[in-house]
Amino acid sequence: MISFTPKEKNILSLIGQCADELGIDSYVIGGYVRDKLIGRACKDIDIVCIGSGIELARQVSKKHDAKPKVAVFQNFGTAQIKIEDFEIEFVGARKESYRKESRNPIVEDGTLEDDQNRRDFTINALGYGLNGKHAGTVLDPFDGIADLKAGIIKTPLDPDITYSDDPLRMMRAIRFATQLQFVIDDKSLDSIAKNKDRIAIISQERITDELIKIMKSDKPSIGFTLLFDTGLLPIIMPTIYALHGIETRNGIAHKDNFYHTIQVLDNVAELSDNIWLRWSALYHDVGKPRSKKFDEKIGWTFHGHDVIGARMVKKIFKRLKLPLDNRLQYVQKMVRLHLRPISLTKHNITDSAVRRMLFEAGDDVEDLMVLCRADITSKNEFKVKKYQNNYDLLTRKIIELEEKDRLRNWQPPIDGEEIMKTFNLTPSRMVGDIKLSIREAILNGDIPNEYEAAKSFMMAEGQKLGLVPNT
């Protein structure tokens, strides 16, 4: 039933042989078995044995030609080794019991049945025997194979117990549904909604790890729709939940910005694997609820939502425990600039405006254009074609100016040090004003992006200010 590559056969055969030598039964269990059954690539192999997982890992390391290092996690009774591109984790079969205030279980040695009972979903409770009487047999106590074929996420036991014991499993259910494009069983879905407040005992890092996996999937909107429908979204991502809703005044309604946002996210996912561009898509309109106003003459407006949203991103990243480095700055930049290409296409595209966008976007200008194209979610085919044609024109203009002016990640050819040296100045606002004037002259196309032209312009600006150059 399961087809293994020669490399996989060799690894699993060795583990089975080592288990025989120790006189214990061993099984592959969980995601690796699931993924092999559906033809999905997987490099993480979880081994459960009826005995010591640490001893089995050491025996495998001893017998393998490469003698891989064994990483032992004594507190958890687990060990891990890496063989070629596979990460293999070993653990003894166990049973678990939970306290209401914690997702950390009380763990005891158990049987294979105990170990399968504690698994989160039927499709993750599948086992495959490596030695003994079950060698070469798929062990499926909860009809996980049937659920795999039907595309269903279902808990092995009562979902209320499963989710209340370990609320992170609610996030995992939604993540698996997103990654595999499966549906969550109705009873299980109702249970997530019932137990949603239990998510409070889960650390932000664990929640965000699941969110990242949802973001990396082919169609992230599946996960965000499920988070919304179960009531988890306002708890873990209140600023995204705030985008939901349609308000009508004088017969004029605005679109639901939540559903628009997750459509934009899907559009970006089709075009790019860049996870930070996907985060940019998720938060590109996050400033709209704070900037929303109704104008009697023109209807709903969201003026400044790009700037407001860019300011909000840092606080959001802190809350989600996302990195506060150049990746945050990238997302802030994408959110701040996401309207710039759109505004350029509404008027005659001037060289000056394109130069400014190139200057601000730098090496990320192509990503910015991906985001802007993804932001087109209109159902009107004429509008979509018009926007795409305008973006094609803008893209050609960007390429043309980039080749001519070399403005990507550009710095003016005259810096503050040279201005101070030329006019015998100390650091001051005047130095900054001259430097800014040079930059603006180049961006406006008044002078070429060349040193001699910039120097002549600097001298002229100094003369206007009554400055005398050093001789």
Protein backbone atom coordinates (compact mmCIF):
# COMPACT_ATOMS: atom_id res chain seq x y z
CA MET A 1 0.00 0.00 0.00
CA ILE A 2 2.90 2.37 0.75
CA SER A 3 5.64 2.90 -1.82
CA PHE A 4 9.06 3.78 -0.39
CA THR A 5 12.13 4.99 -2.25
CA PRO A 6 15.27 2.82 -2.00
CA LYS A 7 16.77 5.35 0.41
CA GLU A 8 13.68 5.22 2.64
CA LYS A 9 13.60 1.40 2.51
CA ASN A 10 17.21 1.23 3.70
CA ILE A 11 16.59 3.59 6.62
CA LEU A 12 13.36 1.90 7.76
CA SER A 13 14.85 -1.59 7.36
CA LEU A 14 17.80 -0.60 9.56
CA ILE A 15 15.46 0.76 12.26
CA GLY A 16 13.46 -2.48 12.17
CA GLN A 17 16.63 -4.58 12.47
CA CYS A 18 17.87 -2.50 15.41
CA ALA A 19 14.48 -2.86 17.14
CA ASP A 20 14.74 -6.65 16.70
CA GLU A 21 18.19 -6.61 18.29
CA LEU A 22 16.76 -4.74 21.30
CA GLY A 23 13.74 -7.04 21.47
CA ILE A 24 11.18 -4.28 21.02
CA ASP A 25 8.50 -3.45 18.45
CA SER A 26 8.87 -0.27 16.41
CA TYR A 27 6.54 1.70 14.17
CA VAL A 28 6.56 4.73 11.91
CA ILE A 29 3.64 6.86 13.02
CA GLY A 30 1.87 10.10 12.14
CA GLY A 31 2.57 12.57 9.38
CA TYR A 32 5.14 10.51 7.48
CA VAL A 33 2.69 7.63 7.00
CA ARG A 34 -0.08 10.07 6.07
CA ASP A 35 2.06 11.87 3.51
CA LYS A 36 3.35 8.67 1.92
CA LEU A 37 -0.25 7.49 1.45
CA ILE A 38 -1.22 10.68 -0.41
CA GLY A 39 2.03 11.07 -2.34
CA ARG A 40 3.19 14.16 -0.45
CA ALA A 41 6.89 14.75 0.18
CA CYS A 42 7.99 14.39 3.80
CA LYS A 43 11.46 14.32 5.35
CA ASP A 44 10.42 14.03 9.02
CA ILE A 45 10.04 10.46 10.26
CA ASP A 46 8.54 9.81 13.72
CA ILE A 47 9.35 6.42 15.22
CA VAL A 48 7.41 5.00 18.18
CA CYS A 49 8.67 1.92 19.94
CA ILE A 50 7.40 -0.16 22.82
CA GLY A 51 10.42 0.56 24.93
CA SER A 52 13.12 3.24 25.02
CA GLY A 53 13.20 5.52 22.00
CA ILE A 54 16.58 6.87 23.12
CA GLU A 55 18.14 3.37 23.16
CA LEU A 56 16.72 2.62 19.72
CA ALA A 57 18.14 5.87 18.32
CA ARG A 58 21.58 5.04 19.72
CA GLN A 59 21.45 1.55 18.25
CA VAL A 60 20.51 2.91 14.82
CA SER A 61 23.37 5.41 15.00
CA LYS A 62 25.78 2.67 15.98
CA LYS A 63 24.74 0.41 13.09
CA HIS A 64 24.54 3.08 10.37
CA ASP A 65 27.67 3.55 8.25
CA ALA A 66 27.68 7.34 8.79
CA LYS A 67 27.36 7.02 12.60
CA PRO A 68 25.00 10.04 12.82
CA LYS A 69 25.06 12.06 16.03
CA VAL A 70 22.22 11.34 18.46
CA ALA A 71 20.54 14.39 19.98
CA VAL A 72 18.94 13.30 23.25
CA PHE A 73 16.10 15.21 24.93
CA GLN A 74 16.03 13.39 28.26
CA ASN A 75 13.19 15.45 29.76
CA PHE A 76 10.89 14.37 26.93
CA GLY A 77 12.24 10.85 26.55
CA THR A 78 13.01 11.49 22.89
CA ALA A 79 16.06 11.34 20.63
CA GLN A 80 16.73 12.62 17.12
CA ILE A 81 19.18 11.69 14.41
CA LYS A 82 19.71 12.99 10.88
CA ILE A 83 20.42 10.54 8.09
CA GLU A 84 21.10 12.28 4.78
CA ASP A 85 18.12 14.64 4.30
CA PHE A 86 15.82 12.86 6.77
CA GLU A 87 15.20 13.94 10.38
CA ILE A 88 14.18 10.93 12.46
CA GLU A 89 12.71 11.28 15.93
CA PHE A 90 12.46 8.32 18.32
CA VAL A 91 10.15 8.05 21.31
CA GLY A 92 8.73 5.32 23.46
CA ALA A 93 4.97 4.72 23.24
CA ARG A 94 3.15 6.72 25.88
CA LYS A 95 -0.20 7.79 27.21
CA GLU A 96 -1.07 11.26 28.37
CA SER A 97 -3.41 12.99 30.81
CA TYR A 98 -4.04 16.72 31.04
CA ARG A 99 -4.79 19.40 33.63
CA LYS A 100 -7.26 22.10 32.64
CA GLU A 101 -4.87 25.01 33.15
CA SER A 102 -2.07 23.60 31.00
CA ARG A 103 -1.54 21.94 27.62
CA ASN A 104 1.54 20.12 28.99
CA PRO A 105 0.45 16.54 29.66
CA ILE A 106 1.35 14.13 32.42
CA VAL A 107 3.16 11.39 30.47
CA GLU A 108 3.41 7.69 31.29
CA ASP A 109 4.73 4.69 29.39
CA GLY A 110 2.00 3.13 27.29
CA THR A 111 1.08 0.77 24.49
CA LEU A 112 0.87 1.47 20.78
CA GLU A 113 -2.90 1.83 21.24
CA ASP A 114 -2.33 4.44 23.98
CA ASP A 115 0.02 6.32 21.68
CA GLN A 116 -2.43 6.32 18.78
CA ASN A 117 -5.27 7.43 21.07
CA ARG A 118 -3.33 10.56 22.06
CA ARG A 119 -2.84 11.67 18.42
CA ASP A 120 -4.63 14.81 17.29
CA PHE A 121 -6.37 13.55 14.13
CA THR A 122 -7.30 10.22 12.58
CA ILE A 123 -5.03 10.90 9.59
CA ASN A 124 -2.13 11.44 12.01
CA ALA A 125 -2.80 8.29 14.04
CA LEU A 126 -1.76 5.94 11.23
CA GLY A 127 1.09 3.57 12.00
CA TYR A 128 3.34 1.35 9.92
CA GLY A 129 5.05 -1.67 11.49
CA LEU A 130 8.80 -1.97 11.01
CA ASN A 131 9.40 -5.32 12.69
CA GLY A 132 7.66 -8.10 14.62
CA LYS A 133 4.18 -9.35 13.75
CA HIS A 134 3.09 -5.99 12.31
CA ALA A 135 6.09 -5.57 9.96
CA GLY A 136 4.98 -4.03 6.66
CA THR A 137 1.42 -3.46 7.91
CA VAL A 138 -0.48 -0.16 8.09
CA LEU A 139 -2.21 0.15 11.46
CA ASP A 140 -5.34 2.25 11.17
CA PRO A 141 -7.51 2.05 14.32
CA PHE A 142 -9.63 5.15 13.53
CA ASP A 143 -10.28 4.75 9.79
CA GLY A 144 -7.73 7.44 9.00
CA ILE A 145 -7.22 6.07 5.49
CA ALA A 146 -10.93 6.55 4.77
CA ASP A 147 -10.66 10.14 6.07
CA LEU A 148 -7.60 10.70 3.88
CA LYS A 149 -9.52 9.55 0.82
CA ALA A 150 -12.53 11.69 1.77
CA GLY A 151 -10.37 14.73 2.61
CA ILE A 152 -11.63 15.05 6.19
CA ILE A 153 -9.93 16.32 9.36
CA LYS A 154 -11.41 14.46 12.33
CA THR A 155 -10.21 13.74 15.89
CA PRO A 156 -9.76 10.09 16.98
CA LEU A 157 -11.62 10.67 20.25
CA ASP A 158 -14.27 13.17 21.41
CA PRO A 159 -13.18 16.52 19.88
CA ASP A 160 -14.18 18.43 23.02
CA ILE A 161 -11.62 16.40 24.97
CA THR A 162 -9.02 16.61 22.21
CA TYR A 163 -9.23 20.41 21.87
CA SER A 164 -9.73 21.23 25.53
CA ASP A 165 -6.74 19.07 26.54
CA ASP A 166 -4.44 20.71 24.00
CA PRO A 167 -5.98 23.82 22.41
CA LEU A 168 -3.07 24.11 19.97
CA ARG A 169 -4.78 21.24 18.13
CA MET A 170 -7.47 23.71 17.04
CA MET A 171 -4.81 25.67 15.16
CA ARG A 172 -3.33 22.44 13.83
CA ALA A 173 -6.72 21.31 12.52
CA ILE A 174 -7.09 24.55 10.60
CA ARG A 175 -3.49 24.38 9.39
CA PHE A 176 -3.87 20.82 8.07
CA ALA A 177 -7.19 21.73 6.42
CA THR A 178 -5.37 24.59 4.69
CA GLN A 179 -2.24 22.70 3.67
CA LEU A 180 -4.09 19.60 2.44
CA GLN A 181 -7.20 21.52 1.29
CA PHE A 182 -9.33 19.13 3.38
CA VAL A 183 -12.54 19.97 5.25
CA ILE A 184 -12.87 19.80 9.02
CA ASP A 185 -15.54 17.39 10.23
CA ASP A 186 -18.69 19.25 11.38
CA LYS A 187 -18.54 17.90 14.92
CA SER A 188 -14.89 18.88 15.15
CA LEU A 189 -15.55 22.34 13.70
CA ASP A 190 -18.33 22.96 16.23
CA SER A 191 -16.00 21.86 18.99
CA ILE A 192 -13.32 24.35 17.94
CA ALA A 193 -15.89 27.15 18.12
CA LYS A 194 -16.98 25.90 21.56
CA ASN A 195 -13.41 25.66 22.91
CA LYS A 196 -11.93 28.73 21.17
CA ASP A 197 -11.27 30.62 24.41
CA ARG A 198 -8.96 27.80 25.56
CA ILE A 199 -6.42 29.12 23.03
CA ALA A 200 -5.44 31.62 25.77
CA ILE A 201 -3.24 29.00 27.46
CA ILE A 202 -1.13 28.54 24.33
CA SER A 203 2.05 30.58 23.92
CA GLN A 204 2.09 33.18 21.17
CA GLU A 205 5.14 31.51 19.61
CA ARG A 206 3.24 28.24 19.08
CA ILE A 207 0.22 30.05 17.63
CA THR A 208 2.38 32.10 15.29
CA ASP A 209 4.23 28.97 14.14
CA GLU A 210 0.89 27.55 12.96
CA LEU A 211 -0.04 30.88 11.34
CA ILE A 212 3.22 30.85 9.39
CA LYS A 213 2.46 27.36 8.10
CA ILE A 214 -0.99 28.55 7.01
CA MET A 215 0.63 31.55 5.29
CA LYS A 216 3.04 29.26 3.42
CA SER A 217 0.25 27.07 2.02
CA ASP A 218 -0.99 27.24 -1.57
CA LYS A 219 -4.29 28.85 -0.58
CA PRO A 220 -3.99 30.63 2.78
CA SER A 221 -7.56 31.99 2.62
CA ILE A 222 -8.85 28.54 3.60
CA GLY A 223 -7.18 28.92 7.00
CA PHE A 224 -8.26 32.51 7.58
CA THR A 225 -11.85 31.70 6.65
CA LEU A 226 -11.81 28.84 9.19
CA LEU A 227 -10.24 31.07 11.84
CA PHE A 228 -13.04 33.57 11.19
CA ASP A 229 -15.84 30.99 11.16
CA THR A 230 -14.72 29.34 14.42
CA GLY A 231 -14.28 32.62 16.32
CA LEU A 232 -10.52 32.20 16.75
CA LEU A 233 -9.64 35.14 14.50
CA PRO A 234 -10.76 37.99 16.82
CA ILE A 235 -8.82 36.35 19.65
CA ILE A 236 -5.50 35.82 17.87
CA MET A 237 -5.61 38.46 15.09
CA PRO A 238 -8.00 41.25 16.14
CA THR A 239 -6.70 43.75 13.57
CA ILE A 240 -7.50 41.33 10.72
CA TYR A 241 -10.92 40.57 12.21
CA ALA A 242 -11.60 44.33 12.35
CA LEU A 243 -11.50 44.41 8.53
CA HIS A 244 -14.72 42.37 8.40
CA GLY A 245 -18.07 43.96 7.74
CA ILE A 246 -19.96 46.13 5.28
CA GLU A 247 -21.43 49.47 6.29
CA THR A 248 -24.09 51.23 4.21
CA ARG A 249 -25.05 54.91 4.26
CA ASN A 250 -27.36 56.69 1.86
CA GLY A 251 -27.54 53.48 -0.12
CA ILE A 252 -23.74 53.43 -0.57
CA ALA A 253 -21.79 50.44 0.78
CA HIS A 254 -18.09 49.67 0.91
CA LYS A 255 -16.67 46.20 0.24
CA ASP A 256 -15.89 43.71 3.01
CA ASN A 257 -12.17 44.33 3.47
CA PHE A 258 -11.59 41.02 5.26
CA TYR A 259 -12.67 38.93 2.29
CA HIS A 260 -10.87 41.31 -0.07
CA THR A 261 -7.67 40.91 1.99
CA ILE A 262 -7.64 37.11 1.98
CA GLN A 263 -8.31 37.15 -1.77
CA VAL A 264 -5.28 39.43 -2.22
CA LEU A 265 -3.29 37.02 -0.03
CA ASP A 266 -4.28 34.09 -2.27
CA ASN A 267 -3.39 36.11 -5.35
CA VAL A 268 0.09 36.81 -3.96
CA ALA A 269 0.47 33.13 -2.99
CA GLU A 270 -0.14 32.18 -6.62
CA LEU A 271 2.64 34.53 -7.75
CA SER A 272 5.28 34.34 -5.01
CA ASP A 273 6.67 32.06 -2.30
CA ASN A 274 8.04 35.09 -0.44
CA ILE A 275 6.46 34.69 3.02
CA TRP A 276 7.08 38.36 3.91
CA LEU A 277 5.34 39.53 0.76
CA ARG A 278 2.42 37.35 1.87
CA TRP A 279 2.44 39.03 5.30
CA SER A 280 2.45 42.35 3.43
CA ALA A 281 -0.64 41.25 1.51
CA LEU A 282 -2.37 40.25 4.75
CA TYR A 283 -1.75 43.65 6.33
CA HIS A 284 -1.84 45.93 3.27
CA ASP A 285 -5.30 47.32 4.22
CA VAL A 286 -5.02 46.95 8.00
CA GLY A 287 -5.28 50.73 8.42
CA LYS A 288 -8.71 50.94 6.75
CA PRO A 289 -10.90 50.57 9.86
CA ARG A 290 -9.07 53.50 11.51
CA SER A 291 -9.20 55.71 8.41
CA LYS A 292 -12.78 54.98 7.27
CA LYS A 293 -14.99 58.03 6.73
CA PHE A 294 -18.17 58.76 4.82
CA ASP A 295 -18.23 61.77 2.52
CA GLU A 296 -21.69 62.85 1.39
CA LYS A 297 -20.37 63.74 -2.07
CA ILE A 298 -18.06 60.82 -2.87
CA GLY A 299 -19.07 58.06 -0.45
CA TRP A 300 -16.69 55.95 1.64
CA THR A 301 -13.05 56.97 1.87
CA PHE A 302 -9.99 55.38 3.49
CA HIS A 303 -7.52 58.25 3.06
CA GLY A 304 -4.11 57.57 4.59
CA HIS A 305 -4.77 53.91 5.36
CA ASP A 306 -1.41 53.04 3.78
CA VAL A 307 0.52 55.26 6.21
CA ILE A 308 -1.65 54.28 9.21
CA GLY A 309 -1.26 50.59 8.34
CA ALA A 310 2.53 50.84 8.04
CA ARG A 311 2.65 52.36 11.53
CA MET A 312 0.47 49.57 12.93
CA VAL A 313 2.64 46.77 11.56
CA LYS A 314 5.41 47.06 14.17
CA LYS A 315 3.00 46.69 17.08
CA ILE A 316 1.32 43.75 15.32
CA PHE A 317 4.67 42.03 14.73
CA LYS A 318 5.56 42.49 18.41
CA ARG A 319 2.27 40.93 19.47
CA LEU A 320 2.69 37.97 17.12
CA LYS A 321 6.37 37.53 18.11
CA LEU A 322 7.43 37.97 14.49
CA PRO A 323 10.96 39.27 13.77
CA LEU A 324 11.55 42.97 14.36
CA ASP A 325 14.43 43.29 11.90
CA ASN A 326 14.73 43.97 8.17
CA ARG A 327 11.77 41.65 7.54
CA LEU A 328 9.52 43.96 9.57
CA GLN A 329 10.93 46.95 7.67
CA TYR A 330 10.18 45.20 4.38
CA VAL A 331 6.53 44.61 5.34
CA GLN A 332 6.19 48.20 6.58
CA LYS A 333 7.58 49.45 3.27
CA MET A 334 5.23 47.26 1.21
CA VAL A 335 2.20 48.41 3.22
CA ARG A 336 3.24 52.07 3.02
CA LEU A 337 3.87 51.96 -0.73
CA HIS A 338 1.10 49.60 -1.89
CA LEU A 339 -1.01 52.50 -3.24
CA ARG A 340 1.87 54.22 -5.03
CA PRO A 341 1.73 52.25 -8.31
CA ILE A 342 -2.08 52.48 -8.32
CA SER A 343 -1.96 56.28 -8.01
CA LEU A 344 0.60 56.47 -10.82
CA THR A 345 -1.69 54.62 -13.22
CA LYS A 346 -4.56 57.06 -12.60
CA HIS A 347 -2.68 59.93 -14.21
CA ASN A 348 -0.11 60.37 -16.93
CA ILE A 349 2.91 58.49 -15.67
CA THR A 350 5.66 61.07 -15.20
CA ASP A 351 9.33 60.16 -15.04
CA SER A 352 9.63 62.09 -11.78
CA ALA A 353 6.91 60.05 -10.01
CA VAL A 354 8.40 56.76 -11.21
CA ARG A 355 11.87 57.84 -10.08
CA ARG A 356 10.51 58.55 -6.59
CA MET A 357 8.87 55.14 -6.41
CA LEU A 358 12.09 53.47 -7.54
CA PHE A 359 14.03 55.45 -4.94
CA GLU A 360 11.69 54.42 -2.11
CA ALA A 361 11.08 50.79 -3.15
CA GLY A 362 14.69 49.99 -4.06
CA ASP A 363 15.33 46.31 -4.74
CA ASP A 364 11.77 45.49 -3.68
CA VAL A 365 10.07 47.28 -6.57
CA GLU A 366 9.22 43.98 -8.34
CA ASP A 367 7.61 42.67 -5.14
CA LEU A 368 5.64 45.90 -4.86
CA MET A 369 4.30 45.40 -8.37
CA VAL A 370 3.31 41.80 -7.51
CA LEU A 371 1.36 43.09 -4.50
CA CYS A 372 -0.36 45.75 -6.58
CA ARG A 373 -1.41 43.28 -9.26
CA ALA A 374 -2.68 40.94 -6.55
CA ASP A 375 -4.72 43.82 -5.10
CA ILE A 376 -7.00 43.72 -8.15
CA THR A 377 -9.98 41.68 -6.94
CA SER A 378 -12.76 43.24 -9.02
CA LYS A 379 -15.23 40.87 -10.67
CA ASN A 380 -15.52 43.35 -13.56
CA GLU A 381 -13.35 41.89 -16.34
CA PHE A 382 -13.12 45.25 -18.14
CA LYS A 383 -11.74 46.93 -14.99
CA VAL A 384 -9.28 44.11 -14.36
CA LYS A 385 -7.95 44.28 -17.92
CA LYS A 386 -7.65 48.06 -17.70
CA TYR A 387 -5.69 47.89 -14.42
CA GLN A 388 -3.39 45.15 -15.70
CA ASN A 389 -2.67 47.09 -18.90
CA ASN A 390 -1.84 50.17 -16.82
CA TYR A 391 0.53 48.12 -14.67
CA ASP A 392 2.17 46.71 -17.80
CA LEU A 393 2.80 50.29 -18.96
CA LEU A 394 4.18 51.26 -15.56
CA THR A 395 6.46 48.20 -15.48
CA ARG A 396 7.93 49.14 -18.87
CA LYS A 397 8.49 52.67 -17.58
CA ILE A 398 10.27 51.34 -14.48
CA ILE A 399 12.61 49.22 -16.60
CA GLU A 400 13.33 52.12 -18.93
CA LEU A 401 14.15 54.59 -16.14
CA GLU A 402 16.12 52.03 -14.14
CA GLU A 403 18.36 51.41 -17.15
CA LYS A 404 18.81 55.14 -17.71
CA ASP A 405 19.03 56.58 -14.20
CA ARG A 406 20.24 53.66 -12.02
CA LEU A 407 18.03 54.76 -9.10
CA ARG A 408 17.50 51.44 -7.37
CA ASN A 409 18.87 51.64 -3.78
CA TRP A 410 20.34 54.94 -4.91
CA GLN A 411 22.20 57.52 -2.88
CA PRO A 412 22.85 61.04 -4.29
CA PRO A 413 26.36 61.43 -5.76
CA ILE A 414 27.07 64.30 -3.33
CA ASP A 415 26.91 63.50 0.40
CA GLY A 416 26.80 65.69 3.48
CA GLU A 417 30.53 65.37 4.13
CA GLU A 418 31.37 66.88 0.76
CA ILE A 419 28.87 69.73 1.24
CA MET A 420 30.41 70.61 4.63
CA LYS A 421 33.95 70.42 3.26
CA THR A 422 33.12 72.53 0.19
CA PHE A 423 31.51 75.38 2.15
CA ASN A 424 33.38 74.96 5.45
CA LEU A 425 30.18 74.11 7.32
CA THR A 426 29.49 72.11 10.48
CA PRO A 427 26.57 69.66 10.66
CA SER A 428 23.45 71.78 10.35
CA ARG A 429 20.03 72.05 8.77
CA MET A 430 21.57 74.00 5.89
CA VAL A 431 23.68 70.97 4.94
CA GLY A 432 20.56 68.80 4.94
CA ASP A 433 18.66 71.33 2.83
CA ILE A 434 21.38 71.38 0.15
CA LYS A 435 21.57 67.59 0.11
CA LEU A 436 17.78 67.37 -0.22
CA SER A 437 17.79 69.91 -3.06
CA ILE A 438 20.33 67.81 -4.98
CA ARG A 439 18.25 64.67 -4.47
CA GLU A 440 15.04 66.39 -5.57
CA ALA A 441 16.71 67.86 -8.66
CA ILE A 442 17.82 64.38 -9.75
CA LEU A 443 14.46 62.76 -8.98
CA ASN A 444 12.64 65.54 -10.86
CA GLY A 445 14.91 65.06 -13.84
CA ASP A 446 16.30 68.62 -13.62
CA ILE A 447 19.85 67.28 -13.61
CA PRO A 448 21.27 63.86 -14.55
CA ASN A 449 22.28 61.34 -11.89
CA GLU A 450 25.98 62.17 -12.31
CA TYR A 451 28.65 63.57 -10.00
CA GLU A 452 29.70 66.60 -12.05
CA ALA A 453 26.10 67.71 -12.65
CA ALA A 454 25.32 67.29 -8.94
CA LYS A 455 28.45 69.23 -7.96
CA SER A 456 27.54 72.15 -10.24
CA PHE A 457 24.04 72.17 -8.79
CA MET A 458 25.48 72.15 -5.25
CA MET A 459 27.66 75.16 -6.03
CA ALA A 460 24.66 77.03 -7.43
CA GLU A 461 22.57 76.21 -4.34
CA GLY A 462 25.40 77.38 -2.08
CA GLN A 463 25.63 80.64 -3.99
CA LYS A 464 21.87 81.23 -3.49
CA LEU A 465 22.41 80.83 0.25
CA GLY A 466 25.36 83.24 0.25
CA LEU A 467 27.91 80.52 0.97
CA VAL A 468 31.50 80.90 -0.16
CA PRO A 469 33.23 77.73 -1.33
CA ASN A 470 36.72 76.85 -0.08
CA THR A 471 39.45 77.64 -2.57
